[in-house]
Protein backbone atom coordinates (compact mmCIF):
# COMPACT_ATOMS: atom_id res chain seq x y z
CA MET A 1 -1.57 -5.39 94.43
CA VAL A 2 -1.32 -1.63 93.19
CA THR A 3 -3.47 0.43 94.95
CA GLY A 4 -3.08 3.51 97.27
CA ILE A 5 -0.17 5.79 97.83
CA ILE A 6 1.44 3.44 95.69
CA LYS A 7 -0.77 3.48 92.66
CA ASN A 8 -0.37 7.54 93.45
CA LYS A 9 3.71 6.84 92.96
CA ILE A 10 3.79 4.79 90.22
CA ASP A 11 1.56 7.40 87.98
CA LYS A 12 4.28 10.03 89.16
CA ILE A 13 7.25 7.82 87.70
CA TRP A 14 4.95 7.28 84.40
CA THR A 15 4.51 10.38 83.98
CA ASP A 16 7.60 11.64 84.38
CA ILE A 17 8.69 8.79 82.16
CA TRP A 18 5.84 9.99 79.39
CA ALA A 19 7.35 13.82 80.02
CA GLY A 20 10.86 13.29 78.62
CA GLY A 21 9.70 11.58 75.61
CA ILE A 22 8.63 7.96 75.93
CA THR A 23 5.13 7.60 74.95
CA ASN A 24 5.00 3.87 73.75
CA PRO A 25 3.69 2.41 77.45
CA LEU A 26 5.83 -0.73 76.99
CA THR A 27 8.72 1.29 76.66
CA VAL A 28 8.45 2.62 80.16
CA ILE A 29 7.59 -0.82 81.60
CA GLU A 30 10.71 -2.24 80.15
CA GLN A 31 12.80 0.64 81.04
CA LEU A 32 11.13 0.67 84.59
CA THR A 33 12.14 -3.14 85.17
CA TYR A 34 15.52 -3.02 83.95
CA LEU A 35 16.64 -0.22 86.93
CA MET A 36 14.60 -2.42 89.27
CA PHE A 37 16.57 -5.93 88.33
CA ILE A 38 19.94 -3.30 88.67
CA ARG A 39 18.33 -1.66 92.73
CA SER A 40 17.23 -5.61 93.20
CA LEU A 41 20.78 -6.35 92.16
CA ASP A 42 22.49 -4.49 94.84
CA GLU A 43 19.62 -5.07 97.55
CA LYS A 44 20.85 -8.70 96.63
CA GLU A 45 24.65 -8.25 97.28
CA LEU A 46 24.19 -6.47 100.55
CA GLU A 47 22.14 -9.42 102.14
CA ASN A 48 25.48 -11.54 100.48
CA GLU A 49 27.41 -9.50 102.46
CA GLU A 50 25.81 -9.75 105.63
CA PHE A 51 25.62 -13.63 105.62
CA GLU A 52 29.26 -13.56 104.78
CA ASN A 53 29.90 -11.04 108.08
CA MET A 54 27.54 -12.77 110.41
CA THR A 55 28.77 -15.93 109.51
CA GLY A 56 32.51 -16.07 107.79
CA GLN A 57 31.38 -18.23 104.54
CA LYS A 58 32.25 -16.52 101.33
CA MET A 59 29.81 -16.11 98.88
CA ASP A 60 29.73 -15.82 95.54
CA LYS A 61 30.04 -11.80 94.97
CA ILE A 62 27.28 -10.73 91.90
CA PHE A 63 29.41 -7.29 91.36
CA PRO A 64 33.19 -7.03 90.43
CA GLN A 65 35.61 -5.74 93.55
CA SER A 66 37.05 -3.07 91.76
CA GLU A 67 35.96 0.82 91.22
CA ALA A 68 34.48 0.52 88.83
CA GLY A 69 32.92 -2.76 90.06
CA GLN A 70 31.38 -0.98 93.19
CA SER A 71 30.51 1.73 91.26
CA MET A 72 27.88 0.51 89.95
CA ARG A 73 25.99 -0.07 92.54
CA TRP A 74 22.26 1.40 93.30
CA SER A 75 23.57 2.38 96.68
CA LYS A 76 26.82 3.93 96.02
CA PHE A 77 25.32 6.60 92.36
CA LYS A 78 21.34 7.32 93.62
CA GLU A 79 23.40 9.84 95.66
CA LYS A 80 25.35 11.35 92.71
CA ASP A 81 24.83 14.50 90.56
CA SER A 82 22.10 13.00 88.44
CA ARG A 83 24.67 13.49 84.86
CA ASP A 84 26.99 11.22 87.04
CA ILE A 85 24.38 8.58 87.69
CA PHE A 86 23.27 9.01 83.61
CA ASP A 87 26.61 7.99 82.52
CA ILE A 88 27.44 5.27 85.09
CA VAL A 89 24.09 3.85 84.29
CA SER A 90 24.23 4.04 80.36
CA GLN A 91 28.00 3.06 80.16
CA ARG A 92 28.73 0.62 82.64
CA VAL A 93 25.39 -0.11 85.08
CA PHE A 94 23.06 -1.34 81.77
CA PRO A 95 25.83 -3.03 78.90
CA ALA A 96 27.43 -4.77 82.10
CA ILE A 97 23.68 -6.71 82.68
CA LYS A 98 23.45 -7.00 79.14
CA LYS A 99 26.98 -9.31 79.37
CA MET A 100 26.07 -10.72 82.64
CA LYS A 101 26.53 -14.79 83.18
CA TYR A 102 26.94 -17.25 86.67
CA GLY A 103 24.93 -14.49 88.49
CA GLN A 104 27.78 -11.98 87.91
CA LEU A 105 28.74 -8.87 86.56
CA PRO A 106 31.79 -8.44 84.01
CA ASP A 107 34.01 -5.80 85.30
CA PHE A 108 35.64 -2.98 83.53
CA SER A 109 39.77 -2.38 81.91
CA GLU A 110 41.58 0.65 82.51
CA THR A 111 39.94 1.59 79.01
CA GLY A 112 36.57 1.48 80.10
CA GLU A 113 35.62 -2.16 78.33
CA LEU A 114 33.56 -4.75 79.74
CA ILE A 115 36.07 -8.06 80.57
CA GLU A 116 34.03 -10.72 79.73
CA ILE A 117 33.49 -13.24 82.71
CA ILE A 118 35.42 -16.20 81.96
CA ASP A 119 33.46 -19.31 83.34
CA ASN A 120 35.31 -20.97 86.54
CA CYS A 121 33.53 -24.07 86.52
CA ASN A 122 35.86 -24.91 82.79
CA LYS A 123 33.13 -26.21 81.07
CA LYS A 124 32.34 -24.89 77.59
CA GLU A 125 28.61 -22.24 77.98
CA GLU A 126 26.41 -24.53 75.86
CA GLY A 127 24.41 -21.87 74.06
CA LYS A 128 23.49 -18.60 75.29
CA THR A 129 21.51 -18.46 79.01
CA ALA A 130 18.29 -17.31 79.27
CA PHE A 131 19.06 -14.18 80.87
CA ALA A 132 21.86 -13.24 77.77
CA ARG A 133 20.09 -14.07 75.14
CA TYR A 134 16.84 -12.41 75.70
CA MET A 135 18.97 -9.11 76.97
CA GLU A 136 20.88 -9.14 73.96
CA GLY A 137 18.28 -6.92 72.46
CA ALA A 138 17.40 -4.92 75.72
CA ALA A 139 18.72 -0.58 74.80
CA PHE A 140 18.38 1.59 77.56
CA LEU A 141 16.00 4.50 76.38
CA ILE A 142 15.38 7.00 79.36
CA PRO A 143 16.74 10.06 77.39
CA THR A 144 18.02 12.87 80.14
CA PRO A 145 19.82 12.81 83.30
CA GLN A 146 16.88 14.41 85.22
CA VAL A 147 14.26 12.16 84.25
CA LEU A 148 16.59 9.52 84.77
CA GLN A 149 17.14 11.21 88.24
CA LYS A 150 13.53 11.66 89.01
CA ILE A 151 12.90 7.39 88.75
CA ILE A 152 15.66 6.54 90.39
CA THR A 153 14.26 8.61 93.11
CA GLY A 154 10.78 7.79 92.62
CA LEU A 155 11.26 4.00 92.80
CA ASP A 156 13.82 4.22 96.20
CA ASP A 157 11.13 5.86 97.67
CA LEU A 158 8.51 3.24 97.03
CA TYR A 159 10.74 0.40 98.08
CA GLU A 160 12.17 2.22 101.07
CA HIS A 161 8.54 3.17 102.16
CA ASP A 162 5.67 1.29 100.57
CA ILE A 163 6.37 -2.32 98.96
CA SER A 164 10.16 -3.63 100.18
CA ASP A 165 8.08 -6.57 101.03
CA LEU A 166 5.82 -7.22 98.22
CA ASP A 167 6.11 -9.15 94.86
CA MET A 168 6.99 -5.87 93.36
CA GLN A 169 8.05 -6.61 90.23
CA GLY A 170 4.99 -8.71 89.18
CA ASP A 171 2.38 -6.37 90.76
CA LEU A 172 4.24 -3.39 88.80
CA TYR A 173 3.72 -5.52 85.51
CA GLU A 174 -0.21 -6.11 86.69
CA TYR A 175 -0.73 -2.31 86.94
CA MET A 176 0.85 -1.85 83.93
CA LEU A 177 -1.44 -3.97 81.86
CA GLY A 178 -4.42 -2.59 83.57
CA LYS A 179 -3.08 0.95 82.42
CA LEU A 180 -3.16 -0.53 79.35
CA ALA A 181 -5.78 -2.06 78.80
CA THR A 182 -3.65 -4.57 76.97
CA ALA A 183 -4.83 -7.64 79.69
CA GLY A 184 -8.77 -7.08 77.81
CA GLN A 185 -7.28 -7.23 74.31
CA ASN A 186 -4.59 -10.50 75.25
CA GLY A 187 -6.11 -12.80 78.41
CA GLN A 188 -2.88 -11.83 79.84
CA PHE A 189 -3.71 -11.74 84.19
CA ARG A 190 -1.39 -12.28 86.67
CA THR A 191 -1.74 -14.83 88.83
CA PRO A 192 -1.80 -13.35 92.78
CA LYS A 193 0.52 -13.78 94.50
CA HIS A 194 -1.27 -16.07 97.29
CA ILE A 195 -2.86 -18.30 94.63
CA ARG A 196 0.07 -19.33 92.47
CA GLU A 197 1.21 -20.10 96.01
CA MET A 198 -1.72 -22.24 96.90
CA MET A 199 -1.20 -24.15 93.83
CA VAL A 200 2.40 -24.85 94.63
CA GLU A 201 1.18 -26.42 97.98
CA LEU A 202 -1.62 -28.56 96.58
CA LEU A 203 1.00 -29.96 94.15
CA ALA A 204 4.36 -29.47 96.57
CA PRO A 205 7.37 -29.38 94.49
CA SER A 206 10.58 -31.42 94.57
CA PRO A 207 14.13 -30.55 94.08
CA ASP A 208 13.91 -33.34 91.55
CA ASP A 209 10.87 -32.47 90.06
CA TYR A 210 10.71 -30.44 86.21
CA ILE A 211 8.67 -27.90 86.62
CA ILE A 212 6.98 -26.27 83.78
CA ASP A 213 5.02 -23.10 82.86
CA PRO A 214 4.25 -22.69 79.17
CA ALA A 215 2.91 -19.06 79.40
CA CYS A 216 4.66 -17.94 82.05
CA GLY A 217 4.24 -14.23 81.23
CA THR A 218 6.75 -12.53 84.29
CA ALA A 219 7.75 -16.55 85.57
CA GLY A 220 5.51 -15.69 89.02
CA PHE A 221 4.71 -19.64 89.02
CA LEU A 222 8.30 -20.92 88.05
CA VAL A 223 9.43 -18.21 91.20
CA SER A 224 6.94 -19.57 93.67
CA ALA A 225 7.35 -23.09 93.19
CA SER A 226 11.57 -21.78 94.07
CA GLU A 227 10.77 -20.89 96.67
CA TYR A 228 8.98 -23.59 98.35
CA ILE A 229 11.79 -25.90 97.38
CA ARG A 230 14.35 -23.79 98.85
CA ARG A 231 12.09 -22.70 101.62
CA LYS A 232 11.06 -26.99 102.70
CA TYR A 233 14.68 -28.76 101.39
CA GLU A 234 17.60 -26.34 101.00
CA ASP A 235 19.05 -27.26 104.24
CA THR A 236 19.05 -31.73 102.75
CA MET A 237 19.64 -30.79 98.86
CA THR A 238 22.61 -32.66 97.25
CA SER A 239 25.14 -31.23 94.80
CA GLY A 240 23.34 -32.28 92.01
CA GLN A 241 20.24 -30.74 92.77
CA TRP A 242 21.27 -27.50 93.45
CA GLU A 243 22.90 -27.83 89.93
CA ASN A 244 19.50 -28.32 88.64
CA PHE A 245 17.80 -26.32 90.32
CA THR A 246 19.40 -23.00 89.23
CA SER A 247 19.07 -24.33 85.63
CA THR A 248 17.17 -27.24 83.95
CA ALA A 249 14.46 -27.49 86.87
CA PHE A 250 12.48 -24.67 85.61
CA THR A 251 10.90 -23.97 82.33
CA GLY A 252 8.91 -21.03 80.67
CA PHE A 253 7.03 -21.14 77.27
CA ASP A 254 5.73 -17.81 76.11
CA THR A 255 5.60 -15.51 72.63
CA ASP A 256 5.97 -11.80 74.59
CA ASN A 257 10.07 -10.41 74.33
CA THR A 258 9.19 -7.94 76.80
CA MET A 259 7.85 -10.92 79.40
CA LEU A 260 10.81 -13.39 78.74
CA ARG A 261 13.49 -10.56 79.71
CA ILE A 262 11.43 -9.93 82.77
CA SER A 263 11.09 -13.37 83.55
CA ALA A 264 14.59 -13.99 83.29
CA MET A 265 15.91 -10.78 85.42
CA ASN A 266 13.26 -12.25 87.82
CA LEU A 267 14.19 -15.93 88.36
CA MET A 268 18.09 -14.58 88.67
CA LEU A 269 17.21 -12.86 91.78
CA HIS A 270 15.66 -16.14 93.14
CA SER A 271 19.75 -17.94 92.15
CA ILE A 272 17.83 -19.52 88.75
CA THR A 273 20.72 -18.51 86.80
CA ASN A 274 20.09 -20.21 83.90
CA PRO A 275 16.87 -21.19 83.76
CA GLU A 276 15.09 -22.87 80.28
CA ILE A 277 13.46 -19.56 79.09
CA LYS A 278 12.19 -20.43 75.36
CA TYR A 279 10.41 -18.09 73.09
CA LYS A 280 7.57 -19.91 71.93
CA ASP A 281 3.95 -20.16 71.04
CA SER A 282 2.48 -22.98 73.06
CA VAL A 283 0.72 -24.70 71.75
CA SER A 284 1.21 -23.83 68.02
CA LYS A 285 3.13 -26.79 66.02
CA GLN A 286 6.61 -24.73 67.10
CA ASN A 287 6.26 -26.60 70.03
CA GLN A 288 7.17 -30.47 70.07
CA VAL A 289 8.25 -30.85 73.58
CA SER A 290 6.03 -34.26 74.70
CA SER A 291 6.24 -36.13 78.14
CA LYS A 292 9.09 -34.52 79.59
CA TYR A 293 7.93 -32.19 82.70
CA THR A 294 6.60 -33.80 86.30
CA ILE A 295 5.05 -30.44 87.47
CA CYS A 296 2.84 -28.32 85.43
CA LEU A 297 1.33 -24.72 87.18
CA ALA A 298 -0.25 -22.46 85.10
CA ASN A 299 -2.73 -19.41 84.03
CA PRO A 300 -2.95 -19.98 80.73
CA PRO A 301 -4.67 -16.94 78.26
CA PHE A 302 -8.44 -17.23 78.60
CA LYS A 303 -9.07 -14.88 75.84
CA GLY A 304 -9.01 -15.16 71.80
CA THR A 305 -8.52 -17.31 69.49
CA VAL A 306 -5.70 -19.13 67.21
CA ASP A 307 -4.88 -19.80 64.11
CA ALA A 308 -6.45 -23.46 62.90
CA GLU A 309 -3.63 -24.04 60.89
CA SER A 310 -0.63 -23.43 63.53
CA ILE A 311 -2.26 -25.85 65.79
CA ASN A 312 -0.61 -28.37 66.74
CA ASP A 313 -2.16 -31.82 65.42
CA ASP A 314 -1.83 -33.66 68.59
CA LEU A 315 -3.78 -31.14 70.48
CA LYS A 316 -6.55 -31.04 67.74
CA ALA A 317 -6.66 -34.79 67.93
CA VAL A 318 -7.35 -34.54 71.66
CA THR A 319 -9.64 -31.41 71.46
CA ASN A 320 -10.93 -30.00 68.05
CA THR A 321 -11.12 -26.36 68.44
CA LYS A 322 -9.45 -22.39 68.10
CA LYS A 323 -10.23 -21.52 71.62
CA THR A 324 -7.26 -21.48 74.04
CA GLU A 325 -8.29 -22.76 77.26
CA LEU A 326 -8.63 -25.75 76.41
CA LEU A 327 -6.12 -26.10 73.71
CA PHE A 328 -3.33 -25.48 76.87
CA LEU A 329 -5.38 -28.08 78.75
CA ALA A 330 -4.61 -30.72 76.14
CA LEU A 331 -0.75 -29.10 76.11
CA PHE A 332 -0.50 -29.82 79.69
CA ILE A 333 -1.43 -32.87 79.11
CA ARG A 334 1.53 -33.74 76.71
CA LEU A 335 3.68 -32.22 78.21
CA LEU A 336 4.03 -34.01 81.43
CA LYS A 337 5.50 -37.24 82.00
CA THR A 338 3.31 -40.19 82.93
CA GLY A 339 2.52 -39.91 86.29
CA GLY A 340 3.61 -35.71 86.33
CA ARG A 341 1.51 -33.43 88.18
CA CYS A 342 -0.82 -30.04 87.29
CA ALA A 343 -2.84 -27.64 88.84
CA CYS A 344 -3.48 -25.03 86.27
CA ILE A 345 -6.38 -21.74 86.40
CA VAL A 346 -9.38 -22.42 83.96
CA PRO A 347 -12.01 -20.03 83.20
CA ASP A 348 -15.27 -21.30 84.93
CA GLY A 349 -16.99 -22.07 80.35
CA VAL A 350 -14.31 -25.02 80.53
CA LEU A 351 -16.03 -26.45 83.23
CA PHE A 352 -19.66 -27.00 82.23
CA GLY A 353 -19.81 -25.93 78.84
CA SER A 354 -21.51 -27.82 75.90
CA SER A 355 -19.19 -27.93 72.84
CA LYS A 356 -18.09 -31.51 71.38
CA ALA A 357 -14.31 -29.82 72.36
CA HIS A 358 -15.55 -29.16 75.99
CA LYS A 359 -17.38 -32.53 76.86
CA SER A 360 -13.95 -34.48 74.69
CA ILE A 361 -11.19 -32.47 76.58
CA ARG A 362 -12.90 -33.18 80.27
CA LYS A 363 -13.51 -36.65 79.65
CA GLU A 364 -10.37 -36.89 78.47
CA LEU A 365 -8.91 -35.97 81.77
CA VAL A 366 -11.43 -38.07 84.03
CA GLU A 367 -11.56 -41.29 81.93
CA ASN A 368 -8.30 -41.63 80.58
CA HIS A 369 -6.31 -39.15 83.27
CA LYS A 370 -6.73 -38.98 87.64
CA LEU A 371 -8.87 -36.00 88.00
CA GLN A 372 -8.52 -34.90 91.48
CA ALA A 373 -9.71 -32.06 92.44
CA VAL A 374 -11.75 -29.34 90.85
CA ILE A 375 -11.23 -26.26 93.20
CA SER A 376 -13.96 -22.95 92.44
CA MET A 377 -13.27 -19.51 92.95
CA PRO A 378 -14.51 -16.64 93.84
CA SER A 379 -14.85 -14.02 90.60
CA GLY A 380 -12.94 -10.73 92.94
CA VAL A 381 -9.97 -13.05 92.67
CA PHE A 382 -8.35 -11.10 89.14
CA LYS A 383 -10.13 -7.73 89.92
CA PRO A 384 -9.09 -4.80 89.54
CA TYR A 385 -8.33 -6.32 86.20
CA ALA A 386 -11.00 -8.71 85.55
CA GLY A 387 -14.22 -9.93 86.72
CA VAL A 388 -13.79 -13.60 85.11
CA SER A 389 -15.15 -16.62 87.33
CA THR A 390 -12.37 -19.25 87.33
CA ALA A 391 -11.37 -22.29 89.05
CA VAL A 392 -8.37 -24.40 89.86
CA LEU A 393 -7.90 -27.84 88.43
CA VAL A 394 -5.39 -30.83 89.59
CA PHE A 395 -4.86 -33.88 87.80
CA THR A 396 -1.96 -36.59 87.86
CA LYS A 397 -1.50 -37.61 83.83
CA THR A 398 -1.51 -41.73 84.17
CA GLY A 399 -3.02 -42.72 80.57
CA ALA A 400 -4.67 -44.98 81.85
CA GLY A 401 -7.51 -43.74 83.79
CA GLY A 402 -7.70 -43.84 87.94
CA THR A 403 -10.21 -41.06 88.48
CA ASP A 404 -12.37 -42.49 91.28
CA ASN A 405 -13.35 -39.52 93.18
CA VAL A 406 -13.35 -35.89 91.98
CA TRP A 407 -12.70 -33.45 95.49
CA PHE A 408 -14.83 -30.18 95.12
CA TYR A 409 -14.28 -27.59 96.88
CA ASP A 410 -15.92 -23.64 96.80
CA MET A 411 -13.49 -21.19 98.11
CA LYS A 412 -16.01 -18.07 99.20
CA ALA A 413 -12.53 -16.20 100.40
CA ASP A 414 -9.01 -15.95 99.73
CA GLY A 415 -7.59 -13.41 102.13
CA PHE A 416 -9.02 -10.55 99.85
CA THR A 417 -12.07 -8.05 99.65
CA LEU A 418 -13.64 -9.62 96.78
CA ASP A 419 -14.01 -5.78 94.52
CA ASP A 420 -12.16 -3.63 93.07
CA LYS A 421 -10.04 -2.67 96.06
CA ARG A 422 -8.72 -6.07 97.09
CA SER A 423 -7.65 -5.18 100.54
CA GLU A 424 -7.16 -7.84 103.34
CA ILE A 425 -9.33 -9.15 105.29
CA SER A 426 -9.21 -12.73 107.54
CA GLU A 427 -11.78 -14.51 106.45
CA ASN A 428 -9.55 -16.87 104.55
CA ASP A 429 -10.27 -19.87 102.75
CA ILE A 430 -6.70 -21.42 101.27
CA PRO A 431 -5.34 -22.69 104.60
CA ASP A 432 -7.99 -25.39 104.84
CA ILE A 433 -8.08 -26.19 100.91
CA ILE A 434 -4.06 -26.79 101.65
CA GLU A 435 -5.06 -29.42 104.63
CA ARG A 436 -8.49 -30.55 102.76
CA PHE A 437 -6.27 -31.40 99.93
CA HIS A 438 -4.13 -33.43 101.62
CA SER A 439 -6.38 -35.26 103.51
CA LEU A 440 -8.92 -36.46 101.23
CA ASP A 441 -9.25 -39.71 102.46
CA LYS A 442 -11.12 -37.90 105.75
CA GLU A 443 -13.43 -35.82 103.09
CA THR A 444 -15.34 -39.28 102.56
CA GLY A 445 -18.23 -38.25 104.93
CA ARG A 446 -18.69 -34.96 103.75
CA LYS A 447 -22.07 -34.01 102.41
CA ARG A 448 -23.38 -31.96 99.01
CA THR A 449 -24.41 -29.00 101.78
CA GLU A 450 -20.55 -28.26 103.18
CA GLN A 451 -18.08 -26.55 101.13
CA SER A 452 -15.88 -29.26 99.65
CA PHE A 453 -16.59 -32.43 99.33
CA LEU A 454 -15.90 -36.27 96.73
CA VAL A 455 -18.30 -36.95 93.92
CA PRO A 456 -17.58 -40.53 92.30
CA LYS A 457 -16.59 -40.64 88.63
CA GLU A 458 -19.69 -42.23 87.25
CA GLU A 459 -21.30 -39.68 88.56
CA ILE A 460 -19.52 -37.03 86.66
CA ALA A 461 -19.58 -39.18 83.38
CA GLY A 462 -22.97 -39.26 83.84
CA ASN A 463 -24.07 -35.53 83.89
CA ASP A 464 -21.66 -35.17 80.31
CA TYR A 465 -18.41 -34.98 82.83
CA ASP A 466 -20.07 -31.82 83.50
CA LEU A 467 -17.05 -29.82 86.72
CA SER A 468 -19.13 -27.20 88.02
CA ILE A 469 -19.36 -27.43 91.83
CA ASN A 470 -23.40 -25.95 91.22
CA LYS A 471 -24.38 -29.56 89.28
CA TYR A 472 -23.48 -31.04 92.66
CA LYS A 473 -23.93 -28.55 95.74
CA GLU A 474 -27.24 -29.21 97.49
CA VAL A 475 -28.32 -26.18 98.76
CA GLU A 476 -30.12 -26.22 102.32
CA TYR A 477 -33.43 -24.25 101.80
CA VAL A 478 -34.59 -23.47 105.47
CA PRO A 479 -38.83 -22.71 105.83
CA VAL A 480 -39.16 -19.86 107.00
CA GLU A 481 -42.50 -19.71 110.37
CA TYR A 482 -44.77 -16.27 108.92
CA PRO A 483 -47.31 -15.77 111.34
CA PRO A 484 -51.38 -15.58 109.90
CA THR A 485 -52.63 -13.27 107.89
CA SER A 486 -55.00 -11.58 110.03
CA GLU A 487 -52.11 -11.19 112.61
CA ILE A 488 -50.24 -9.52 109.98
CA LEU A 489 -53.31 -7.35 108.77
CA ALA A 490 -54.14 -6.55 112.72
CA GLU A 491 -50.92 -5.21 113.32
CA ILE A 492 -51.05 -2.77 109.80
CA LYS A 493 -54.08 -1.67 111.20
CA GLU A 494 -52.82 -0.70 114.87
CA LEU A 495 -49.87 1.08 113.11
C-alpha cells in the first residue's frame, strides 16, 4: 500500500513529470511503468549473475554481452550525465525493450541499429508474443534529460530505501488510479496482494492447470498464481510443464491497452515470457471462448453496465442483465472446463439482490454447479480507494449440481487496519480461512454463532438462494442484569 513517505516521493516524481509538460495522467503512469520495468530487468540480471557465480550453472542473459548491450543496464547508466542517460534510454534501451523476445534484449550493430533476436529453439514464432504485441505501440515521451534524471533518481531512491519488498508496479498503478479518480468511474480496483494470495491458496493451482483472469488489469492474480506454483513445484516440474508455465498456462483479457502493456511487463518479470494476454471485451459477443480453463481467478468490474446489444447471448441465457458483476459470474462458468474451479470477488449485492437476474445466477451456482464457500470480507479491504463490502465465492463447474453444504466465513480482520491508512496489525483471519477451507469435514459441528459454519443447500434454496452470511448467522445475546430502579435512584440521590 502506498502511504506516508512513499506517497510523498511518488507525488514528487509525478510533479517533476507534470512540470516537464506531460499532463495526461495515463501517460505519466505508462512512462513510469516503462522505467520501473527497465530497472527490474537489471535487478533480474543481477540475480541471475549471482546465482551463476554461486552454482556455476549457466543462466540465460537478458542483456547482450557487448559494450552497447551492457550500457543499457540501469546500474550502468543511472550515475551518468543527464544527457548521456537520455541518449542511452531513448536511443537504445527503449527501442530494445520494444523488440524484446524470449526474455532477451536485442543487441546493436556497429552502426547503432538493432539486431533481431534469433529463435534458438529453431521454431517459427506463431504470431507475436503478448509482450511484443502490446509494446509495439509504446512511445517514450519523457521530454528532457533533466526530467528523466529526476525520475530515475526518484525511482532509485524509492527502490533502495522504501519499497524493495513491495508489489511495486501494482501499488504504483493502484495509487495513480486513486489520484485520477478513474477508479470510481471504471470500477478498476486492484486487489490487495494478500487477498490475491489467499484466493490462490484456496484453489491451490498446479503446473498442469490453465489459469485465466478475464478482467486482468495489471495481471496481479496471474502473478500470484505463478508465484504459488513456483514455490510449491519448482523442483519437480518437467520440461513440458515449464514450457506450459512460460506460455499457455496463464491467460488474461482486458479492454485497456495500457493495462495490457503493464500486464505483459509484469508477467515477463516473473519468467512468464509468452502469456496469452489479449485485448478482449470479456462479456461481449467478441469473446466466444468456453470450456477451456481449469482455474479462474478474478476481481471483475463492479460498476456500470454494458451495451445490451453487445452482450454475449450465452451469458444472457444464464442471467438476463446489463450488470457487469452478474455477467462476469456467468462468464466464469462458461470459461471453465467441467471440474474447473473459480475463486472470485463479488460485491455484497450479488449475494442478496432480489432481482430476477440476481436470483438466477445464484440458483445456477447452487443447483447446477458446486458452490463451496462464501467468504464475507470487511468493507475496508479496498480502502483508501473504495469502501465497498465484498465477498469471495469459491465454486467448481460441474454442470450437474453437487452443492451439498455451503461454507460461510465471516472475515473480521485481514492483517491491516480497516481505515484509509491500512496499517499492518496482528489480527488476521486469512491463515484460519485457508486452513479451515482445506478441512471442511471438520466444520460440520460448528454452530451458527461461530465465525464459520456450514449451511445445507436446501436451506439456501428455501431462502431464494440468498448467500449473505447475515441470513444464516445467529447472534448470541447475553442478557444484562441491572440493579433495581430504587437502588439506582438512591445512588443518584447520594451523588
